[in-house]
Structure formats: C-alpha cells, structure tokens
N, C-alpha and C. Protein backbone atom coordinates (compact mmCIF):
# COMPACT_ATOMS: atom_id res chain seq x y z
N MET A 1 0.82 -1.19 0.00
CA MET A 1 0.00 0.00 0.00
C MET A 1 0.87 1.26 0.00
N LYS A 2 1.94 1.26 0.80
CA LYS A 2 2.82 2.43 0.86
C LYS A 2 3.46 2.69 -0.50
N LYS A 3 3.84 1.64 -1.17
CA LYS A 3 4.47 1.78 -2.48
C LYS A 3 3.49 2.39 -3.48
N PHE A 4 2.24 1.95 -3.43
CA PHE A 4 1.21 2.48 -4.32
C PHE A 4 1.00 3.97 -4.09
N VAL A 5 0.94 4.38 -2.82
CA VAL A 5 0.74 5.79 -2.48
C VAL A 5 1.91 6.64 -2.98
N ARG A 6 3.12 6.15 -2.82
CA ARG A 6 4.30 6.88 -3.32
C ARG A 6 4.26 7.04 -4.84
N ILE A 7 3.92 5.98 -5.54
CA ILE A 7 3.84 6.05 -7.00
C ILE A 7 2.74 7.00 -7.43
N LEU A 8 1.61 6.95 -6.77
CA LEU A 8 0.50 7.85 -7.06
C LEU A 8 0.91 9.30 -6.81
N ALA A 9 1.59 9.55 -5.71
CA ALA A 9 2.03 10.92 -5.38
C ALA A 9 3.02 11.44 -6.42
N LEU A 10 3.97 10.62 -6.82
CA LEU A 10 4.94 11.03 -7.84
C LEU A 10 4.27 11.28 -9.18
N THR A 11 3.30 10.46 -9.52
CA THR A 11 2.56 10.65 -10.77
C THR A 11 1.80 11.97 -10.75
N LEU A 12 1.16 12.26 -9.64
CA LEU A 12 0.44 13.53 -9.52
C LEU A 12 1.37 14.73 -9.61
N VAL A 13 2.53 14.63 -9.00
CA VAL A 13 3.51 15.71 -9.09
C VAL A 13 3.95 15.92 -10.53
N ALA A 14 4.19 14.84 -11.24
CA ALA A 14 4.62 14.94 -12.64
C ALA A 14 3.52 15.57 -13.50
N VAL A 15 2.28 15.19 -13.29
CA VAL A 15 1.17 15.76 -14.05
C VAL A 15 1.03 17.25 -13.74
N MET A 16 1.13 17.64 -12.48
CA MET A 16 1.02 19.05 -12.09
C MET A 16 2.17 19.86 -12.69
N LEU A 17 3.37 19.30 -12.71
CA LEU A 17 4.51 20.00 -13.30
C LEU A 17 4.30 20.22 -14.79
N CYS A 18 3.82 19.21 -15.48
CA CYS A 18 3.55 19.36 -16.93
C CYS A 18 2.49 20.42 -17.18
N ALA A 19 1.45 20.43 -16.37
CA ALA A 19 0.39 21.43 -16.53
C ALA A 19 0.91 22.83 -16.27
N THR A 20 1.75 22.98 -15.27
CA THR A 20 2.32 24.28 -14.95
C THR A 20 3.22 24.78 -16.08
N LEU A 21 4.08 23.93 -16.58
CA LEU A 21 4.98 24.33 -17.66
C LEU A 21 4.22 24.65 -18.94
N ALA A 22 3.18 23.93 -19.21
CA ALA A 22 2.40 24.17 -20.43
C ALA A 22 1.63 25.48 -20.36
N SER A 23 1.29 25.92 -19.17
CA SER A 23 0.48 27.13 -19.04
C SER A 23 1.31 28.40 -19.01
N CYS A 24 2.62 28.30 -19.06
CA CYS A 24 3.48 29.48 -18.94
C CYS A 24 3.84 30.09 -20.27
N GLY A 25 3.20 29.68 -21.32
CA GLY A 25 3.54 30.19 -22.65
C GLY A 25 3.10 31.62 -22.86
N GLY A 26 3.39 32.12 -24.02
CA GLY A 26 3.03 33.48 -24.38
C GLY A 26 1.66 33.54 -25.02
N PRO A 27 1.45 34.53 -25.86
CA PRO A 27 0.16 34.71 -26.51
C PRO A 27 -0.17 33.59 -27.49
N ASN A 28 -1.40 33.59 -27.94
CA ASN A 28 -1.88 32.58 -28.88
C ASN A 28 -1.09 32.65 -30.18
N LYS A 29 -0.81 31.49 -30.75
CA LYS A 29 -0.05 31.41 -32.01
C LYS A 29 -0.87 31.85 -33.22
N ASP A 30 -2.18 31.91 -33.07
CA ASP A 30 -3.07 32.34 -34.15
C ASP A 30 -3.48 33.79 -33.91
N PRO A 31 -3.14 34.72 -34.82
CA PRO A 31 -3.44 36.13 -34.58
C PRO A 31 -4.93 36.41 -34.39
N GLU A 32 -5.79 35.70 -35.10
CA GLU A 32 -7.23 35.92 -34.96
C GLU A 32 -7.72 35.51 -33.58
N LYS A 33 -7.18 34.41 -33.06
CA LYS A 33 -7.57 33.96 -31.72
C LYS A 33 -7.04 34.89 -30.64
N ALA A 34 -5.81 35.40 -30.83
CA ALA A 34 -5.25 36.35 -29.87
C ALA A 34 -6.09 37.63 -29.86
N LEU A 35 -6.48 38.10 -31.04
CA LEU A 35 -7.32 39.30 -31.16
C LEU A 35 -8.66 39.08 -30.45
N ALA A 36 -9.28 37.93 -30.69
CA ALA A 36 -10.57 37.62 -30.07
C ALA A 36 -10.44 37.52 -28.54
N SER A 37 -9.35 36.92 -28.07
CA SER A 37 -9.13 36.81 -26.62
C SER A 37 -8.97 38.17 -25.97
N LEU A 38 -8.21 39.04 -26.61
CA LEU A 38 -8.02 40.38 -26.07
C LEU A 38 -9.34 41.14 -26.00
N LYS A 39 -10.12 41.07 -27.06
CA LYS A 39 -11.40 41.77 -27.08
C LYS A 39 -12.35 41.20 -26.03
N GLU A 40 -12.32 39.89 -25.85
CA GLU A 40 -13.17 39.24 -24.85
C GLU A 40 -12.81 39.70 -23.43
N GLU A 41 -11.53 40.00 -23.20
CA GLU A 41 -11.07 40.45 -21.90
C GLU A 41 -11.22 41.96 -21.70
N GLY A 42 -11.83 42.65 -22.67
CA GLY A 42 -12.10 44.08 -22.53
C GLY A 42 -11.01 44.99 -23.07
N TYR A 43 -10.07 44.46 -23.81
CA TYR A 43 -9.00 45.26 -24.39
C TYR A 43 -9.48 45.89 -25.70
N THR A 44 -8.97 47.06 -26.00
CA THR A 44 -9.15 47.65 -27.32
C THR A 44 -8.02 47.06 -28.15
N ALA A 45 -8.37 46.20 -29.10
CA ALA A 45 -7.35 45.45 -29.84
C ALA A 45 -7.56 45.60 -31.34
N VAL A 46 -6.43 45.60 -32.06
CA VAL A 46 -6.46 45.67 -33.51
C VAL A 46 -5.45 44.68 -34.09
N LYS A 47 -5.77 44.23 -35.30
CA LYS A 47 -4.84 43.40 -36.05
C LYS A 47 -4.51 44.16 -37.33
N VAL A 48 -3.24 44.48 -37.48
CA VAL A 48 -2.79 45.20 -38.66
C VAL A 48 -1.68 44.38 -39.30
N GLY A 49 -1.95 43.87 -40.47
CA GLY A 49 -0.94 43.05 -41.16
C GLY A 49 -0.58 41.84 -40.33
N ASP A 50 0.70 41.76 -39.98
CA ASP A 50 1.21 40.60 -39.24
C ASP A 50 1.41 40.88 -37.75
N TYR A 51 0.70 41.86 -37.21
CA TYR A 51 0.82 42.05 -35.77
C TYR A 51 -0.51 42.39 -35.14
N VAL A 52 -0.60 42.09 -33.85
CA VAL A 52 -1.79 42.35 -33.04
C VAL A 52 -1.35 43.22 -31.87
N SER A 53 -2.17 44.22 -31.56
CA SER A 53 -1.86 45.09 -30.43
C SER A 53 -3.13 45.31 -29.63
N GLY A 54 -2.99 45.33 -28.31
CA GLY A 54 -4.14 45.54 -27.45
C GLY A 54 -3.77 46.39 -26.24
N THR A 55 -4.70 47.26 -25.84
CA THR A 55 -4.50 48.11 -24.66
C THR A 55 -5.77 48.14 -23.82
N LYS A 56 -5.58 48.39 -22.53
CA LYS A 56 -6.72 48.48 -21.62
C LYS A 56 -6.28 49.33 -20.43
N LEU A 57 -7.14 50.27 -20.04
CA LEU A 57 -6.88 51.12 -18.89
C LEU A 57 -7.50 50.47 -17.66
N VAL A 58 -6.70 50.21 -16.64
CA VAL A 58 -7.18 49.59 -15.40
C VAL A 58 -6.71 50.41 -14.21
N LYS A 59 -7.27 50.14 -13.05
CA LYS A 59 -6.85 50.78 -11.80
C LYS A 59 -5.86 49.85 -11.10
N ASP A 60 -4.75 50.43 -10.61
CA ASP A 60 -3.80 49.61 -9.87
C ASP A 60 -4.23 49.54 -8.40
N ASP A 61 -3.40 48.96 -7.55
CA ASP A 61 -3.73 48.78 -6.14
C ASP A 61 -3.94 50.10 -5.40
N ASP A 62 -3.27 51.15 -5.88
CA ASP A 62 -3.39 52.47 -5.26
C ASP A 62 -4.54 53.29 -5.82
N GLY A 63 -5.28 52.74 -6.76
CA GLY A 63 -6.40 53.45 -7.37
C GLY A 63 -6.00 54.35 -8.52
N LYS A 64 -4.75 54.28 -8.94
CA LYS A 64 -4.26 55.09 -10.05
C LYS A 64 -4.50 54.35 -11.36
N ASP A 65 -4.68 55.13 -12.43
CA ASP A 65 -4.85 54.53 -13.75
C ASP A 65 -3.55 53.88 -14.21
N LYS A 66 -3.68 52.71 -14.81
CA LYS A 66 -2.53 51.97 -15.33
C LYS A 66 -2.90 51.42 -16.69
N LEU A 67 -2.00 51.50 -17.63
CA LEU A 67 -2.24 51.00 -18.98
C LEU A 67 -1.64 49.61 -19.14
N GLU A 68 -2.50 48.64 -19.44
CA GLU A 68 -2.05 47.29 -19.79
C GLU A 68 -1.90 47.25 -21.30
N HIS A 69 -0.80 46.69 -21.80
CA HIS A 69 -0.51 46.75 -23.23
C HIS A 69 0.22 45.49 -23.67
N VAL A 70 -0.10 45.03 -24.88
CA VAL A 70 0.63 43.92 -25.50
C VAL A 70 0.73 44.18 -26.99
N THR A 71 1.88 43.85 -27.55
CA THR A 71 2.09 43.87 -29.00
C THR A 71 2.67 42.51 -29.38
N ILE A 72 2.10 41.90 -30.40
CA ILE A 72 2.51 40.57 -30.84
C ILE A 72 2.82 40.62 -32.34
N TYR A 73 4.03 40.25 -32.71
CA TYR A 73 4.43 40.18 -34.12
C TYR A 73 4.46 38.72 -34.55
N TYR A 74 3.83 38.42 -35.68
CA TYR A 74 3.77 37.07 -36.22
C TYR A 74 4.64 37.00 -37.48
N TYR A 75 5.49 35.99 -37.54
CA TYR A 75 6.38 35.79 -38.69
C TYR A 75 6.11 34.44 -39.33
N ASP A 76 6.55 34.29 -40.56
CA ASP A 76 6.35 33.04 -41.29
C ASP A 76 7.22 31.91 -40.74
N SER A 77 8.40 32.27 -40.22
CA SER A 77 9.30 31.24 -39.71
C SER A 77 10.04 31.74 -38.47
N LYS A 78 10.60 30.79 -37.75
CA LYS A 78 11.39 31.13 -36.56
C LYS A 78 12.62 31.95 -36.95
N GLU A 79 13.19 31.65 -38.09
CA GLU A 79 14.39 32.37 -38.54
C GLU A 79 14.08 33.84 -38.81
N ASP A 80 12.91 34.11 -39.42
CA ASP A 80 12.50 35.50 -39.67
C ASP A 80 12.32 36.25 -38.35
N ALA A 81 11.71 35.58 -37.37
CA ALA A 81 11.50 36.20 -36.06
C ALA A 81 12.84 36.49 -35.38
N THR A 82 13.76 35.55 -35.47
CA THR A 82 15.08 35.73 -34.86
C THR A 82 15.81 36.92 -35.49
N ALA A 83 15.69 37.07 -36.80
CA ALA A 83 16.34 38.19 -37.50
C ALA A 83 15.76 39.54 -37.06
N ALA A 84 14.48 39.58 -36.73
CA ALA A 84 13.83 40.84 -36.35
C ALA A 84 13.92 41.12 -34.86
N MET A 85 14.38 40.19 -34.08
CA MET A 85 14.35 40.30 -32.61
C MET A 85 15.09 41.52 -32.09
N GLU A 86 16.26 41.82 -32.61
CA GLU A 86 17.05 42.95 -32.09
C GLU A 86 16.31 44.28 -32.26
N LYS A 87 15.73 44.49 -33.44
CA LYS A 87 15.00 45.73 -33.70
C LYS A 87 13.77 45.84 -32.79
N ILE A 88 13.07 44.73 -32.61
CA ILE A 88 11.87 44.75 -31.78
C ILE A 88 12.25 44.91 -30.31
N GLN A 89 13.38 44.37 -29.89
CA GLN A 89 13.84 44.55 -28.51
C GLN A 89 14.05 46.04 -28.22
N LYS A 90 14.63 46.76 -29.18
CA LYS A 90 14.82 48.20 -29.00
C LYS A 90 13.47 48.92 -28.88
N LEU A 91 12.51 48.54 -29.72
CA LEU A 91 11.17 49.12 -29.67
C LEU A 91 10.51 48.85 -28.33
N ALA A 92 10.63 47.63 -27.84
CA ALA A 92 10.04 47.27 -26.55
C ALA A 92 10.68 48.06 -25.41
N ASP A 93 11.98 48.26 -25.48
CA ASP A 93 12.68 49.04 -24.45
C ASP A 93 12.23 50.49 -24.46
N GLU A 94 11.96 51.04 -25.65
CA GLU A 94 11.50 52.43 -25.75
C GLU A 94 10.10 52.60 -25.16
N GLU A 95 9.24 51.58 -25.30
CA GLU A 95 7.88 51.68 -24.81
C GLU A 95 7.76 51.43 -23.31
N LYS A 96 8.78 50.85 -22.69
CA LYS A 96 8.71 50.53 -21.27
C LYS A 96 8.63 51.81 -20.45
N ASP A 97 7.67 51.84 -19.56
CA ASP A 97 7.52 52.93 -18.61
C ASP A 97 8.25 52.53 -17.33
N ASP A 98 9.00 53.43 -16.72
CA ASP A 98 9.76 53.10 -15.52
C ASP A 98 8.86 52.62 -14.38
N LYS A 99 7.59 53.00 -14.41
CA LYS A 99 6.66 52.59 -13.35
C LYS A 99 6.13 51.19 -13.56
N ASP A 100 6.31 50.62 -14.74
CA ASP A 100 5.80 49.28 -15.03
C ASP A 100 6.67 48.23 -14.36
N THR A 101 6.15 47.62 -13.31
CA THR A 101 6.91 46.57 -12.64
C THR A 101 6.62 45.20 -13.24
N ASP A 102 5.53 45.10 -13.99
CA ASP A 102 5.18 43.81 -14.59
C ASP A 102 5.43 43.79 -16.09
N TRP A 103 6.33 44.65 -16.58
CA TRP A 103 6.66 44.73 -17.99
C TRP A 103 7.47 43.52 -18.42
N VAL A 104 7.10 42.93 -19.53
CA VAL A 104 7.85 41.81 -20.11
C VAL A 104 8.50 42.34 -21.38
N GLY A 105 9.82 42.35 -21.41
CA GLY A 105 10.53 42.81 -22.60
C GLY A 105 10.28 41.87 -23.76
N ALA A 106 10.78 42.22 -24.91
CA ALA A 106 10.55 41.41 -26.11
C ALA A 106 10.99 39.97 -25.87
N THR A 107 10.07 39.06 -26.15
CA THR A 107 10.31 37.62 -25.95
C THR A 107 9.92 36.90 -27.22
N GLN A 108 10.78 35.98 -27.65
CA GLN A 108 10.50 35.21 -28.85
C GLN A 108 10.02 33.82 -28.47
N SER A 109 8.95 33.38 -29.11
CA SER A 109 8.43 32.04 -28.93
C SER A 109 8.16 31.46 -30.32
N GLY A 110 9.13 30.73 -30.84
CA GLY A 110 9.01 30.19 -32.19
C GLY A 110 8.98 31.29 -33.22
N SER A 111 7.88 31.40 -33.95
CA SER A 111 7.80 32.40 -35.02
C SER A 111 7.05 33.66 -34.59
N ILE A 112 6.84 33.85 -33.28
CA ILE A 112 6.21 35.09 -32.82
C ILE A 112 7.11 35.80 -31.82
N ILE A 113 6.96 37.12 -31.79
CA ILE A 113 7.67 37.95 -30.82
C ILE A 113 6.61 38.81 -30.15
N TYR A 114 6.68 38.91 -28.83
CA TYR A 114 5.69 39.70 -28.11
C TYR A 114 6.36 40.48 -26.98
N PHE A 115 5.72 41.58 -26.59
CA PHE A 115 6.15 42.34 -25.42
C PHE A 115 4.96 43.10 -24.87
N GLY A 116 5.07 43.48 -23.61
CA GLY A 116 3.99 44.22 -22.96
C GLY A 116 3.92 43.88 -21.49
N THR A 117 2.77 44.12 -20.88
CA THR A 117 2.59 43.82 -19.47
C THR A 117 2.13 42.37 -19.32
N LYS A 118 2.44 41.78 -18.16
CA LYS A 118 2.10 40.38 -17.93
C LYS A 118 0.61 40.11 -18.08
N ALA A 119 -0.23 41.00 -17.55
CA ALA A 119 -1.67 40.78 -17.62
C ALA A 119 -2.17 40.82 -19.06
N ALA A 120 -1.63 41.71 -19.86
CA ALA A 120 -2.06 41.82 -21.26
C ALA A 120 -1.61 40.61 -22.07
N ILE A 121 -0.41 40.14 -21.80
CA ILE A 121 0.10 38.95 -22.49
C ILE A 121 -0.76 37.74 -22.13
N LYS A 122 -1.10 37.63 -20.86
CA LYS A 122 -1.95 36.52 -20.42
C LYS A 122 -3.34 36.60 -21.07
N ALA A 123 -3.86 37.81 -21.25
CA ALA A 123 -5.18 37.98 -21.87
C ALA A 123 -5.17 37.59 -23.34
N ALA A 124 -4.02 37.61 -23.98
CA ALA A 124 -3.92 37.28 -25.41
C ALA A 124 -3.87 35.79 -25.68
N LYS A 125 -3.98 34.97 -24.65
CA LYS A 125 -3.92 33.50 -24.83
C LYS A 125 -5.20 32.96 -25.38
C-alpha cells in the first residue's frame, strides 16, 4: 500500500509539473484567436498586417490609472523572427515605462515575438 501511495504521489507531481509548464507560454499562435481573446477580456485590440496590439486602462492597487498593453508580431518562420528580434527589442525598451513593474521585454516564442505587461500577455492566450 505504501508503495502504491508513493507512485501515485509522484505521478500527480509529474502531471502538475507538466500542466504548470504548459500554461506558462506566451500569446496565442493564431493572430485571430489572440485578437478575439483580447477583445473578450475588454482590451481595445487591432490586427494590422502581421501584428496584433491591445491596450486596456485599469486601476492599480493604489487606485491610479494603469495602462495594460501587449504587441505581438507574427512571422512566417522562426528564422525570420530571430532576424527581427534585435530591432523589436529596441522598440520594446522604448515603450517601457519606468513605473511598469510587470513589464515583459521582447520575448520570442518560435515564429512570434511579443512584449507588454504580464496581464495583457496573459489575456492574449
């Protein structure tokens, strides 16, 4: 019985770890789905060409207005995204506000590059 409980516990830990790692990804790989997700979450979102952008004004813990923002660039291949990463990193650094503690700099995930606030990136899933 003890052996069974140990195996069951280890199996549950492995399943929970896989679920946690799978949920840590970036925005949706399909621009139309990312756009729909942002709009569903109350963001003002647009799709222009190969990128999606969304913004939303929210209140922070102190009651001050805070802008949640995400920009997602979609490329045909991972190599194209890698080639554009340096330029987009500079753009992401320019848009960062010093007050943003949850800002995620330009991050590449396969053939997409995204940056913005954590909440906005999560809303784009």
